[in-house]
Amino acid sequence: MSDAGARFLSAVLPGAPQLVSGRAARGWVLLSSWTALVALAIWRGERIVAVLSHGALDGWIAVLSLAGGLAAVWLLSRRDVSGAGRPAARVRAVQRQLVTRAFRRNRPAVAGLAAIVLLYAAALLTPLLAPHDPIHQGDLLTERLLAPSGAYWFGTDSFARDVLARILYGARISLTIGFVAVAISLSIGTLVGAVAGYLGGRAEAVIMRFVDMVISFPPLVLLITIIAVFRPSIFLIVAVLGLTQWPGTARIVRGEVLSLKEREFVLAARALGFSRSRIVLRHLIPNALAPVIVAATLGIGNVIVLEAGLSFLGLGVQPPTPSWGTMVADGRDHLLGAWWLSTFPGLAIVITVLAFNLVGDGLRDALDPRLRV
C-alpha cells in the first residue's frame, strides 16, 4: 500500500493500515479501541449531551476522557503510518527496543497491562458506563438484595443500590488513591534514598536510621491510629498512605546510588564542577529509576489492598461514597443469601492487584539484562 493510501485509511479507520501491512496485534488493538470508544459515544449520546449542557465535574472528566481516547487512538495510528519508513535509530533507542521486546514476550505481563488500561479507562468513563446512580436507592420492598439479572448485572445491595454502578465508582476511588499515594511515596523515597546514598558517611547513617525507625512501625497499626485520631477522608487516606510507604523505595534507591556514584559519568560530573543537587537530580536519580518503576507497580497493588482493608474496618472512605473495601464489609452479613455483595467487589480487588503484580514482574524481567530471554 502506498503512503498516501495508508494515511487515508488511518484517517478513516485507525488500525486498518496496520492490519493491511501485516502488524496484526497493533492493528487489532487500535481498531478495537476505536470501535469501542465510538460505540460508547453513540450508546451514551444522550448522557454526553446532558453533560455538555449542565453536567457535573465528573461528567466533564468522562466526556473529555472519551474525546481524548479517540484522539489518542487516531494519532497513534497516524503516527505509526507516518513513521513506518524512518530509520530505527530515529524512532527509538536500542535499549528501549530491547526492553519493549522483552516485555511483550511476557504474556502474563501484557495481559496485566491490558487489564490496568481497561480499569483506568473504566474509572475515567464511569459516568458514561454506569447503568445507574451509585447512591440511588430503589424500592426497598421490591428491589432490595436482587440477584444478578438483566436489569442489574451484579445485583443490588441491602439498600436497593446497583452493585455494578458502585463497583465502577469504587474503582475511581481505589485506583486514584493507589496512584496518588504511590506517587507521593516514590517522590519522597527516591529523593531521600538518593541523598543518603550520594552523601554517605554520617549523613547517610542518620538518614537510614530514621528510615529503619519508620519501617519498624507496623504499617496497618500506624495507619489505623492516625486515621482514628482524625476524621477519615480521601485526602487524609492518600496523605497517610503516601507518607508511610516511602521507606522501602528509599532503601532501593540508596542501594542503586551507592553502585552508581563511582561510575565514570558521575566522576566526570564532579570534575566539571557540577553541584551536588545537579548530580543527584540530573545524573543519579534518572539512572536509578528502573527498580523504582518496578516498585511503583507493585506498590499500587499494595496500597489498594491497604485502602480496602481500612474501608473494611470502617476507617477508610465513608458512606455513601462507594469503595471496594466498604462493599465487601457491607456484604459480610449476607454471604450465604446474597453472595454477590462481597464476591464482585472482592474479585475487582483481586484482579486489580494481580494485574499490577504481573506488570511489575514483567518490568523487572524486562529491565534486568540478566533476565532477558
Protein backbone atom coordinates (compact mmCIF):
# COMPACT_ATOMS: atom_id res chain seq x y z
CA MET A 1 0.00 0.00 0.00
CA SER A 2 1.28 3.48 -0.84
CA ASP A 3 1.97 6.07 1.84
CA ALA A 4 -0.96 8.21 0.68
CA GLY A 5 -3.33 5.26 0.81
CA ALA A 6 -2.11 4.26 4.27
CA ARG A 7 -2.58 7.79 5.59
CA PHE A 8 -6.09 7.99 4.13
CA LEU A 9 -7.01 4.61 5.59
CA SER A 10 -5.66 5.58 9.02
CA ALA A 11 -7.65 8.82 8.87
CA VAL A 12 -10.86 6.94 8.09
CA LEU A 13 -10.38 3.83 10.27
CA PRO A 14 -7.50 3.74 12.78
CA GLY A 15 -5.82 0.34 12.95
CA ALA A 16 -6.74 -0.69 9.41
CA PRO A 17 -3.34 0.25 7.85
CA GLN A 18 -1.56 -1.84 10.47
CA LEU A 19 -3.77 -4.83 9.66
CA VAL A 20 -3.14 -4.42 5.93
CA SER A 21 0.64 -4.13 6.41
CA GLY A 22 0.83 -7.32 8.49
CA ARG A 23 1.08 -5.83 12.02
CA ALA A 24 -1.99 -7.64 13.23
CA ALA A 25 -1.52 -7.22 17.01
CA ARG A 26 -1.09 -3.44 16.87
CA GLY A 27 -3.84 -3.12 14.27
CA TRP A 28 -6.40 -5.09 16.26
CA VAL A 29 -5.64 -3.12 19.45
CA LEU A 30 -6.10 0.23 17.69
CA LEU A 31 -9.17 -0.89 15.74
CA SER A 32 -10.91 -2.47 18.73
CA SER A 33 -10.15 0.55 20.93
CA TRP A 34 -11.51 2.94 18.30
CA THR A 35 -14.62 0.83 17.76
CA ALA A 36 -15.33 0.52 21.49
CA LEU A 37 -14.98 4.27 22.09
CA VAL A 38 -17.15 5.18 19.11
CA ALA A 39 -19.79 2.65 20.22
CA LEU A 40 -19.77 4.14 23.72
CA ALA A 41 -20.19 7.65 22.30
CA ILE A 42 -23.20 6.52 20.24
CA TRP A 43 -24.69 4.44 23.07
CA ARG A 44 -24.41 7.23 25.63
CA GLY A 45 -25.11 10.13 23.30
CA GLU A 46 -27.92 11.48 25.47
CA ARG A 47 -25.72 11.50 28.57
CA ILE A 48 -22.95 13.27 26.68
CA VAL A 49 -25.37 15.96 25.53
CA ALA A 50 -26.68 16.35 29.09
CA VAL A 51 -23.13 16.72 30.43
CA LEU A 52 -22.29 19.34 27.81
CA SER A 53 -25.45 21.23 28.73
CA HIS A 54 -25.26 21.25 32.53
CA GLY A 55 -23.07 18.40 33.70
CA ALA A 56 -21.05 18.00 36.88
CA LEU A 57 -17.27 17.81 37.07
CA ASP A 58 -17.10 14.02 36.95
CA GLY A 59 -19.28 14.03 33.85
CA TRP A 60 -16.98 16.52 32.14
CA ILE A 61 -13.99 14.34 33.06
CA ALA A 62 -15.68 11.35 31.44
CA VAL A 63 -16.56 13.23 28.25
CA LEU A 64 -13.09 14.73 27.95
CA SER A 65 -11.55 11.30 28.59
CA LEU A 66 -13.69 9.84 25.81
CA ALA A 67 -12.64 12.58 23.40
CA GLY A 68 -9.01 12.21 24.48
CA GLY A 69 -9.14 8.47 23.95
CA LEU A 70 -10.50 8.86 20.42
CA ALA A 71 -7.85 11.46 19.61
CA ALA A 72 -5.06 9.30 21.09
CA VAL A 73 -6.04 6.22 19.07
CA TRP A 74 -6.30 8.25 15.87
CA LEU A 75 -2.95 9.96 16.45
CA LEU A 76 -1.22 6.67 17.29
CA SER A 77 -2.45 5.14 14.07
CA ARG A 78 -1.39 8.16 12.03
CA ARG A 79 1.98 8.40 13.75
CA ASP A 80 2.64 4.71 13.21
CA VAL A 81 1.93 5.05 9.50
CA SER A 82 3.92 8.25 9.03
CA GLY A 83 6.88 6.82 10.92
CA ALA A 84 6.92 3.39 9.33
CA GLY A 85 9.68 4.21 6.86
CA ARG A 86 12.03 6.06 9.21
CA PRO A 87 15.29 4.50 10.33
CA ALA A 88 15.02 2.54 13.55
CA ALA A 89 17.63 4.77 15.18
CA ARG A 90 15.32 7.77 14.78
CA VAL A 91 12.22 6.01 16.10
CA ARG A 92 13.52 4.72 19.44
CA ALA A 93 16.69 3.88 21.23
CA VAL A 94 18.10 0.37 21.09
CA GLN A 95 17.74 -0.07 24.83
CA ARG A 96 14.05 0.83 24.69
CA GLN A 97 13.57 -1.66 21.87
CA LEU A 98 15.14 -4.43 23.93
CA VAL A 99 13.01 -3.64 26.98
CA THR A 100 9.82 -3.41 24.94
CA ARG A 101 10.54 -6.66 23.11
CA ALA A 102 11.31 -8.48 26.35
CA PHE A 103 8.12 -7.16 27.97
CA ARG A 104 5.97 -8.20 25.01
CA ARG A 105 7.27 -11.76 25.23
CA ASN A 106 5.89 -11.98 28.75
CA ARG A 107 2.25 -12.82 28.03
CA PRO A 108 1.02 -12.55 31.66
CA ALA A 109 2.60 -9.09 31.96
CA VAL A 110 0.95 -7.95 28.71
CA ALA A 111 -2.39 -9.27 29.98
CA GLY A 112 -1.87 -7.40 33.24
CA LEU A 113 -1.08 -4.18 31.38
CA ALA A 114 -4.23 -4.58 29.27
CA ALA A 115 -6.27 -5.10 32.44
CA ILE A 116 -4.79 -1.96 34.03
CA VAL A 117 -5.55 0.12 30.93
CA LEU A 118 -9.14 -1.16 30.92
CA LEU A 119 -9.53 -0.48 34.63
CA TYR A 120 -8.33 3.10 34.36
CA ALA A 121 -10.41 3.64 31.22
CA ALA A 122 -13.49 2.34 33.05
CA ALA A 123 -12.71 4.59 36.03
CA LEU A 124 -12.42 7.69 33.84
CA LEU A 125 -15.52 6.83 31.82
CA THR A 126 -17.62 5.67 34.79
CA PRO A 127 -20.37 8.34 34.45
CA LEU A 128 -20.95 7.09 30.89
CA LEU A 129 -20.62 3.38 31.70
CA ALA A 130 -22.53 3.08 34.98
CA PRO A 131 -26.11 1.89 34.36
CA HIS A 132 -27.48 3.62 37.49
CA ASP A 133 -26.61 6.23 40.09
CA PRO A 134 -24.39 4.50 42.70
CA ILE A 135 -26.12 6.14 45.67
CA HIS A 136 -29.69 5.97 44.33
CA GLN A 137 -31.89 3.75 46.48
CA GLY A 138 -34.63 1.83 44.72
CA ASP A 139 -37.78 0.38 46.18
CA LEU A 140 -36.71 -1.42 49.35
CA LEU A 141 -39.68 -3.78 49.09
CA THR A 142 -39.19 -4.99 45.52
CA GLU A 143 -35.56 -4.14 44.57
CA ARG A 144 -33.61 -4.98 47.72
CA LEU A 145 -30.99 -7.77 47.52
CA LEU A 146 -31.90 -8.75 43.97
CA ALA A 147 -29.71 -11.44 42.41
CA PRO A 148 -27.73 -10.66 39.23
CA SER A 149 -30.08 -10.29 36.26
CA GLY A 150 -30.52 -8.42 33.02
CA ALA A 151 -31.75 -5.32 34.83
CA TYR A 152 -28.98 -5.43 37.45
CA TRP A 153 -25.97 -7.33 36.14
CA PHE A 154 -24.29 -7.61 39.54
CA GLY A 155 -27.48 -7.48 41.62
CA THR A 156 -28.50 -4.93 44.25
CA ASP A 157 -27.45 -4.43 47.86
CA SER A 158 -29.45 -4.13 51.07
CA PHE A 159 -30.39 -0.53 50.19
CA ALA A 160 -31.54 -1.45 46.65
CA ARG A 161 -28.48 0.20 45.06
CA ASP A 162 -26.91 -1.16 41.88
CA VAL A 163 -23.76 -3.14 42.76
CA LEU A 164 -22.21 -2.74 39.28
CA ALA A 165 -22.51 1.05 39.42
CA ARG A 166 -20.98 1.09 42.90
CA ILE A 167 -18.07 -1.09 41.75
CA LEU A 168 -17.38 1.23 38.81
CA TYR A 169 -17.46 4.33 41.01
CA GLY A 170 -15.44 2.48 43.67
CA ALA A 171 -12.75 1.83 41.05
CA ARG A 172 -12.23 5.58 40.75
CA ILE A 173 -11.58 5.81 44.49
CA SER A 174 -9.27 2.80 44.76
CA LEU A 175 -7.25 3.49 41.59
CA THR A 176 -6.90 7.20 42.36
CA ILE A 177 -5.79 6.57 45.93
CA GLY A 178 -3.32 3.92 44.76
CA PHE A 179 -1.81 6.10 42.04
CA VAL A 180 -1.54 9.34 44.04
CA ALA A 181 -0.31 7.68 47.24
CA VAL A 182 2.39 5.75 45.38
CA ALA A 183 3.42 8.91 43.52
CA ILE A 184 3.90 10.68 46.87
CA SER A 185 5.80 7.78 48.42
CA LEU A 186 8.05 7.34 45.37
CA SER A 187 8.90 11.04 45.27
CA ILE A 188 9.88 11.09 48.93
CA GLY A 189 11.63 7.72 48.90
CA THR A 190 13.59 8.43 45.72
CA LEU A 191 14.85 11.79 46.96
CA VAL A 192 15.74 10.53 50.45
CA GLY A 193 17.47 7.40 49.14
CA ALA A 194 19.44 9.31 46.50
CA VAL A 195 20.64 11.93 49.01
CA ALA A 196 21.61 9.29 51.57
CA GLY A 197 23.47 7.17 49.03
CA TYR A 198 25.35 10.07 47.48
CA LEU A 199 26.36 11.87 50.69
CA GLY A 200 27.45 8.78 52.58
CA GLY A 201 29.20 8.92 55.93
CA ARG A 202 27.45 10.33 58.97
CA ALA A 203 24.61 11.90 56.95
CA GLU A 204 23.77 8.55 55.39
CA ALA A 205 23.83 6.85 58.79
CA VAL A 206 21.40 9.38 60.28
CA ILE A 207 19.03 9.24 57.32
CA MET A 208 18.97 5.46 57.10
CA ARG A 209 18.46 5.06 60.86
CA PHE A 210 15.40 7.29 60.50
CA VAL A 211 14.25 5.12 57.62
CA ASP A 212 14.73 1.99 59.74
CA MET A 213 12.72 3.60 62.52
CA VAL A 214 9.80 4.30 60.16
CA ILE A 215 9.95 0.77 58.78
CA SER A 216 9.87 -0.69 62.32
CA PHE A 217 6.34 0.62 62.92
CA PRO A 218 3.61 -1.87 61.85
CA PRO A 219 2.08 -0.12 58.81
CA LEU A 220 -1.52 -1.16 59.37
CA VAL A 221 -1.45 -0.27 63.08
CA LEU A 222 0.11 3.12 62.28
CA LEU A 223 -2.49 3.79 59.60
CA ILE A 224 -5.37 2.83 61.89
CA THR A 225 -4.02 5.02 64.69
CA ILE A 226 -3.58 8.13 62.54
CA ILE A 227 -6.92 7.81 60.76
CA ALA A 228 -8.76 7.03 64.02
CA VAL A 229 -7.45 10.25 65.60
CA PHE A 230 -8.58 12.43 62.71
CA ARG A 231 -11.77 12.38 60.68
CA PRO A 232 -11.45 9.87 57.82
CA SER A 233 -11.41 11.42 54.35
CA ILE A 234 -10.00 10.64 50.93
CA PHE A 235 -7.30 13.32 51.27
CA LEU A 236 -6.22 12.02 54.68
CA ILE A 237 -6.06 8.44 53.43
CA VAL A 238 -3.96 9.45 50.42
CA ALA A 239 -1.61 11.51 52.59
CA VAL A 240 -1.19 8.81 55.24
CA LEU A 241 -0.62 6.03 52.72
CA GLY A 242 1.84 8.15 50.76
CA LEU A 243 3.78 9.24 53.84
CA THR A 244 4.10 5.71 55.27
CA GLN A 245 5.08 3.71 52.18
CA TRP A 246 8.28 5.54 51.15
CA PRO A 247 10.99 3.81 53.27
CA GLY A 248 11.13 0.74 51.03
CA THR A 249 11.74 2.91 47.98
CA ALA A 250 14.40 4.87 49.86
CA ARG A 251 16.37 1.72 50.59
CA ILE A 252 16.12 0.55 46.98
CA VAL A 253 17.31 3.89 45.59
CA ARG A 254 20.12 4.14 48.14
CA GLY A 255 21.49 0.79 47.01
CA GLU A 256 21.34 1.84 43.36
CA VAL A 257 23.03 5.18 44.06
CA LEU A 258 25.82 3.51 46.01
CA SER A 259 26.66 1.49 42.89
CA LEU A 260 26.27 4.46 40.54
CA LYS A 261 28.13 7.25 42.31
CA GLU A 262 31.55 5.80 41.46
CA ARG A 263 30.77 5.38 37.77
CA GLU A 264 32.64 7.35 35.15
CA PHE A 265 29.80 9.73 34.26
CA VAL A 266 29.39 10.78 37.91
CA LEU A 267 33.14 11.27 38.33
CA ALA A 268 33.14 13.36 35.15
CA ALA A 269 30.28 15.49 36.50
CA ARG A 270 32.26 16.10 39.69
CA ALA A 271 35.38 17.01 37.71
CA LEU A 272 33.36 19.54 35.72
CA GLY A 273 32.33 21.21 38.95
CA PHE A 274 28.62 20.37 38.90
CA SER A 275 26.77 20.90 42.17
CA ARG A 276 25.63 18.00 44.34
CA SER A 277 21.99 18.75 43.66
CA ARG A 278 22.55 18.66 39.91
CA ILE A 279 24.46 15.39 40.09
CA VAL A 280 21.73 13.79 42.20
CA LEU A 281 18.76 15.12 40.21
CA ARG A 282 20.19 15.02 36.67
CA HIS A 283 22.51 12.00 36.75
CA LEU A 284 21.90 9.62 39.65
CA ILE A 285 18.10 9.56 40.00
CA PRO A 286 17.36 9.06 36.25
CA ASN A 287 19.78 6.11 36.17
CA ALA A 288 18.24 4.57 39.30
CA LEU A 289 14.62 4.67 38.09
CA ALA A 290 14.40 1.11 36.74
CA PRO A 291 13.86 -0.58 40.15
CA VAL A 292 11.72 2.38 41.22
CA ILE A 293 9.32 1.76 38.34
CA VAL A 294 9.01 -1.88 39.35
CA ALA A 295 8.44 -0.86 42.97
CA ALA A 296 5.73 1.57 41.81
CA THR A 297 3.70 -1.09 40.02
CA LEU A 298 3.94 -3.43 42.98
CA GLY A 299 3.27 -0.60 45.43
CA ILE A 300 -0.02 0.43 43.80
CA GLY A 301 -1.43 -3.05 44.38
CA ASN A 302 -0.26 -2.96 48.00
CA VAL A 303 -1.83 0.47 48.59
CA ILE A 304 -5.14 -0.67 47.07
CA VAL A 305 -5.21 -3.63 49.47
CA LEU A 306 -4.41 -1.35 52.44
CA GLU A 307 -7.15 1.09 51.43
CA ALA A 308 -9.63 -1.77 51.05
CA GLY A 309 -8.63 -3.05 54.50
CA LEU A 310 -9.15 0.37 56.06
CA SER A 311 -12.54 0.71 54.36
CA PHE A 312 -13.45 -2.81 55.55
CA LEU A 313 -12.72 -1.69 59.12
CA GLY A 314 -14.78 1.47 58.66
CA LEU A 315 -11.75 3.79 58.72
CA GLY A 316 -11.50 4.42 55.00
CA VAL A 317 -13.78 6.21 52.58
CA GLN A 318 -17.01 6.98 54.39
CA PRO A 319 -20.53 6.14 53.10
CA PRO A 320 -22.34 6.85 50.88
CA THR A 321 -19.20 7.15 48.70
CA PRO A 322 -18.67 3.66 47.23
CA SER A 323 -15.43 1.83 47.96
CA TRP A 324 -14.49 -1.78 47.25
CA GLY A 325 -13.49 -2.42 50.86
CA THR A 326 -16.70 -0.91 52.19
CA MET A 327 -18.75 -3.02 49.78
CA VAL A 328 -17.00 -6.20 50.93
CA ALA A 329 -17.70 -5.22 54.55
CA ASP A 330 -21.36 -4.48 53.79
CA GLY A 331 -21.82 -7.93 52.30
CA ARG A 332 -20.23 -9.99 55.07
CA ASP A 333 -23.59 -10.44 56.82
CA HIS A 334 -25.19 -11.75 53.60
CA LEU A 335 -22.51 -14.17 52.34
CA LEU A 336 -24.95 -17.08 52.01
CA GLY A 337 -28.14 -15.33 50.97
CA ALA A 338 -26.63 -12.55 48.82
CA TRP A 339 -23.18 -13.79 47.80
CA TRP A 340 -22.80 -11.14 45.07
CA LEU A 341 -22.47 -8.27 47.55
CA SER A 342 -18.94 -9.28 48.58
CA THR A 343 -17.94 -11.52 45.68
CA PHE A 344 -17.88 -8.95 42.86
CA PRO A 345 -16.01 -6.16 44.72
CA GLY A 346 -13.65 -8.81 46.12
CA LEU A 347 -12.95 -10.05 42.60
CA ALA A 348 -12.33 -6.44 41.50
CA ILE A 349 -9.67 -6.09 44.21
CA VAL A 350 -8.06 -9.43 43.29
CA ILE A 351 -7.98 -8.69 39.55
CA THR A 352 -6.57 -5.18 40.06
CA VAL A 353 -3.81 -6.26 42.46
CA LEU A 354 -2.95 -9.27 40.29
CA ALA A 355 -2.70 -7.08 37.19
CA PHE A 356 -0.28 -4.66 38.86
CA ASN A 357 1.81 -7.53 40.22
CA LEU A 358 2.03 -9.15 36.78
CA VAL A 359 3.14 -5.86 35.22
CA GLY A 360 5.69 -5.38 38.00
CA ASP A 361 7.16 -8.85 37.43
CA GLY A 362 7.25 -8.25 33.69
CA LEU A 363 9.01 -4.91 34.07
CA ARG A 364 11.54 -6.43 36.46
CA ASP A 365 12.42 -9.13 33.95
CA ALA A 366 12.48 -6.70 31.01
CA LEU A 367 14.62 -4.05 32.72
CA ASP A 368 17.18 -6.54 34.03
CA PRO A 369 19.55 -7.59 31.18
CA ARG A 370 20.39 -10.81 33.05
CA LEU A 371 16.75 -11.97 32.96
CA ARG A 372 16.01 -11.21 29.29
CA VAL A 373 15.48 -14.23 27.08
